[in-house]
Amino acid sequence: MKDNTIAGMLNKIVWVDKANLRRYSVIVIDRLRPGGLREVQLSESVKVLKDRLIIGETIIPIHRIVEIRRDGEPVWVRKSASARK
C-alpha cells in the first residue's frame, strides 16, 4: 500500500506508532450529524483494510475519511476536504 493513500497512512500509523494510537483520530463524513463531520478516536482494536477502517465494532469506509489527526493537529488531509472548510 502506498504511504500517500489514506489506507497507507493509517497502516503506517498502526505499525510504526502502535503504542500511541489513542493520540490519533480520523475525521469522517457523517451525513446524520450537524455539520456533516464526526471525529472517531483510534484504539488498539483498529484494523486497516483496503476499502475500510474497522475500530472495535465501528466500520468506516475509507472514502469517508477526510482527515487524520494526532493530538488534535492534522497529519493528513484529503485534498478535496479543504474545499469543505
C-alpha atoms as a PDB file:
ATOM      1  CA  MET A   1       0.000   0.000   0.000  1.00  0.00           C
ATOM      2  CA  LYS A   2       1.284   3.452  -0.844  1.00  0.00           C
ATOM      3  CA  ASP A   3       2.007   5.824   2.062  1.00  0.00           C
ATOM      4  CA  ASN A   4       0.277   8.744   0.317  1.00  0.00           C
ATOM      5  CA  THR A   5      -3.116   7.000   0.364  1.00  0.00           C
ATOM      6  CA  ILE A   6      -5.440   7.117   3.367  1.00  0.00           C
ATOM      7  CA  ALA A   7      -5.120   3.370   3.941  1.00  0.00           C
ATOM      8  CA  GLY A   8      -1.331   3.579   3.528  1.00  0.00           C
ATOM      9  CA  MET A   9      -1.051   6.422   6.040  1.00  0.00           C
ATOM     10  CA  LEU A  10      -3.290   4.607   8.551  1.00  0.00           C
ATOM     11  CA  ASN A  11      -1.290   1.386   8.146  1.00  0.00           C
ATOM     12  CA  LYS A  12       1.912   3.298   8.789  1.00  0.00           C
ATOM     13  CA  ILE A  13       0.437   4.798  11.977  1.00  0.00           C
ATOM     14  CA  VAL A  14      -0.783   1.398  13.184  1.00  0.00           C
ATOM     15  CA  TRP A  15       2.555  -0.338  12.594  1.00  0.00           C
ATOM     16  CA  VAL A  16       5.008   2.450  13.482  1.00  0.00           C
ATOM     17  CA  ASP A  17       3.211   4.270  16.320  1.00  0.00           C
ATOM     18  CA  LYS A  18       1.081   1.427  17.749  1.00  0.00           C
ATOM     19  CA  ALA A  19       1.830   2.428  21.366  1.00  0.00           C
ATOM     20  CA  ASN A  20       0.315   5.873  20.755  1.00  0.00           C
ATOM     21  CA  LEU A  21      -2.824   5.004  18.761  1.00  0.00           C
ATOM     22  CA  ARG A  22      -5.109   6.816  21.219  1.00  0.00           C
ATOM     23  CA  ARG A  23      -3.391  10.083  20.235  1.00  0.00           C
ATOM     24  CA  TYR A  24      -4.838   9.702  16.716  1.00  0.00           C
ATOM     25  CA  SER A  25      -8.333  10.278  15.393  1.00  0.00           C
ATOM     26  CA  VAL A  26      -9.980  10.394  11.997  1.00  0.00           C
ATOM     27  CA  ILE A  27     -12.486  12.964  10.763  1.00  0.00           C
ATOM     28  CA  VAL A  28     -15.273  11.210   8.887  1.00  0.00           C
ATOM     29  CA  ILE A  29     -18.133  12.404   6.699  1.00  0.00           C
ATOM     30  CA  ASP A  30     -21.351  11.685   8.624  1.00  0.00           C
ATOM     31  CA  ARG A  31     -24.490  12.931   6.883  1.00  0.00           C
ATOM     32  CA  LEU A  32     -26.602  12.400  10.009  1.00  0.00           C
ATOM     33  CA  ARG A  33     -24.627  14.893  12.127  1.00  0.00           C
ATOM     34  CA  PRO A  34     -24.994  18.663  12.060  1.00  0.00           C
ATOM     35  CA  GLY A  35     -22.038  19.994  10.105  1.00  0.00           C
ATOM     36  CA  GLY A  36     -21.656  16.650   8.353  1.00  0.00           C
ATOM     37  CA  LEU A  37     -18.432  15.543  10.105  1.00  0.00           C
ATOM     38  CA  ARG A  38     -17.609  13.294  13.062  1.00  0.00           C
ATOM     39  CA  GLU A  39     -14.338  12.621  14.874  1.00  0.00           C
ATOM     40  CA  VAL A  40     -13.532   8.979  15.714  1.00  0.00           C
ATOM     41  CA  GLN A  41     -10.693   8.085  18.080  1.00  0.00           C
ATOM     42  CA  LEU A  42      -8.337   5.261  17.083  1.00  0.00           C
ATOM     43  CA  SER A  43      -7.762   2.435  19.557  1.00  0.00           C
ATOM     44  CA  GLU A  44      -5.741  -0.753  19.918  1.00  0.00           C
ATOM     45  CA  SER A  45      -8.501  -2.706  18.178  1.00  0.00           C
ATOM     46  CA  VAL A  46      -8.024  -0.902  14.856  1.00  0.00           C
ATOM     47  CA  LYS A  47      -7.820  -2.817  11.589  1.00  0.00           C
ATOM     48  CA  VAL A  48      -6.989  -1.161   8.262  1.00  0.00           C
ATOM     49  CA  LEU A  49      -8.273  -2.800   5.104  1.00  0.00           C
ATOM     50  CA  LYS A  50      -8.012  -1.565   1.527  1.00  0.00           C
ATOM     51  CA  ASP A  51     -11.544  -0.141   1.489  1.00  0.00           C
ATOM     52  CA  ARG A  52     -12.462   0.307   5.172  1.00  0.00           C
ATOM     53  CA  LEU A  53     -11.202   1.113   8.631  1.00  0.00           C
ATOM     54  CA  ILE A  54     -12.514  -1.009  11.497  1.00  0.00           C
ATOM     55  CA  ILE A  55     -12.270   0.395  15.033  1.00  0.00           C
ATOM     56  CA  GLY A  56     -13.793  -2.029  17.502  1.00  0.00           C
ATOM     57  CA  GLU A  57     -17.243  -2.639  16.050  1.00  0.00           C
ATOM     58  CA  THR A  58     -17.326   0.599  14.039  1.00  0.00           C
ATOM     59  CA  ILE A  59     -16.781   0.202  10.287  1.00  0.00           C
ATOM     60  CA  ILE A  60     -15.745   3.321   8.389  1.00  0.00           C
ATOM     61  CA  PRO A  61     -15.486   3.271   4.596  1.00  0.00           C
ATOM     62  CA  ILE A  62     -12.093   4.706   3.589  1.00  0.00           C
ATOM     63  CA  HIS A  63     -13.694   7.129   1.116  1.00  0.00           C
ATOM     64  CA  ARG A  64     -15.491   8.874   4.029  1.00  0.00           C
ATOM     65  CA  ILE A  65     -12.271   9.793   5.864  1.00  0.00           C
ATOM     66  CA  VAL A  66     -11.299  13.405   5.187  1.00  0.00           C
ATOM     67  CA  GLU A  67      -8.584  13.956   7.799  1.00  0.00           C
ATOM     68  CA  ILE A  68      -6.238  12.148  10.184  1.00  0.00           C
ATOM     69  CA  ARG A  69      -5.239  13.999  13.369  1.00  0.00           C
ATOM     70  CA  ARG A  70      -2.605  13.445  16.050  1.00  0.00           C
ATOM     71  CA  ASP A  71      -3.219  15.288  19.318  1.00  0.00           C
ATOM     72  CA  GLY A  72      -5.830  17.390  17.511  1.00  0.00           C
ATOM     73  CA  GLU A  73      -3.418  18.555  14.806  1.00  0.00           C
ATOM     74  CA  PRO A  74      -3.873  17.402  11.182  1.00  0.00           C
ATOM     75  CA  VAL A  75      -1.225  14.970   9.921  1.00  0.00           C
ATOM     76  CA  TRP A  76      -3.074  14.116   6.700  1.00  0.00           C
ATOM     77  CA  VAL A  77      -5.893  15.952   4.917  1.00  0.00           C
ATOM     78  CA  ARG A  78      -7.752  14.813   1.820  1.00  0.00           C
ATOM     79  CA  LYS A  79      -7.112  17.330  -0.961  1.00  0.00           C
ATOM     80  CA  SER A  80     -10.826  17.810  -1.608  1.00  0.00           C
ATOM     81  CA  ALA A  81     -11.511  18.284   2.149  1.00  0.00           C
ATOM     82  CA  SER A  82     -10.015  21.778   2.152  1.00  0.00           C
ATOM     83  CA  ALA A  83     -12.849  22.892  -0.110  1.00  0.00           C
ATOM     84  CA  ARG A  84     -15.417  21.854   2.555  1.00  0.00           C
ATOM     85  CA  LYS A  85     -13.997  24.079   5.286  1.00  0.00           C
END
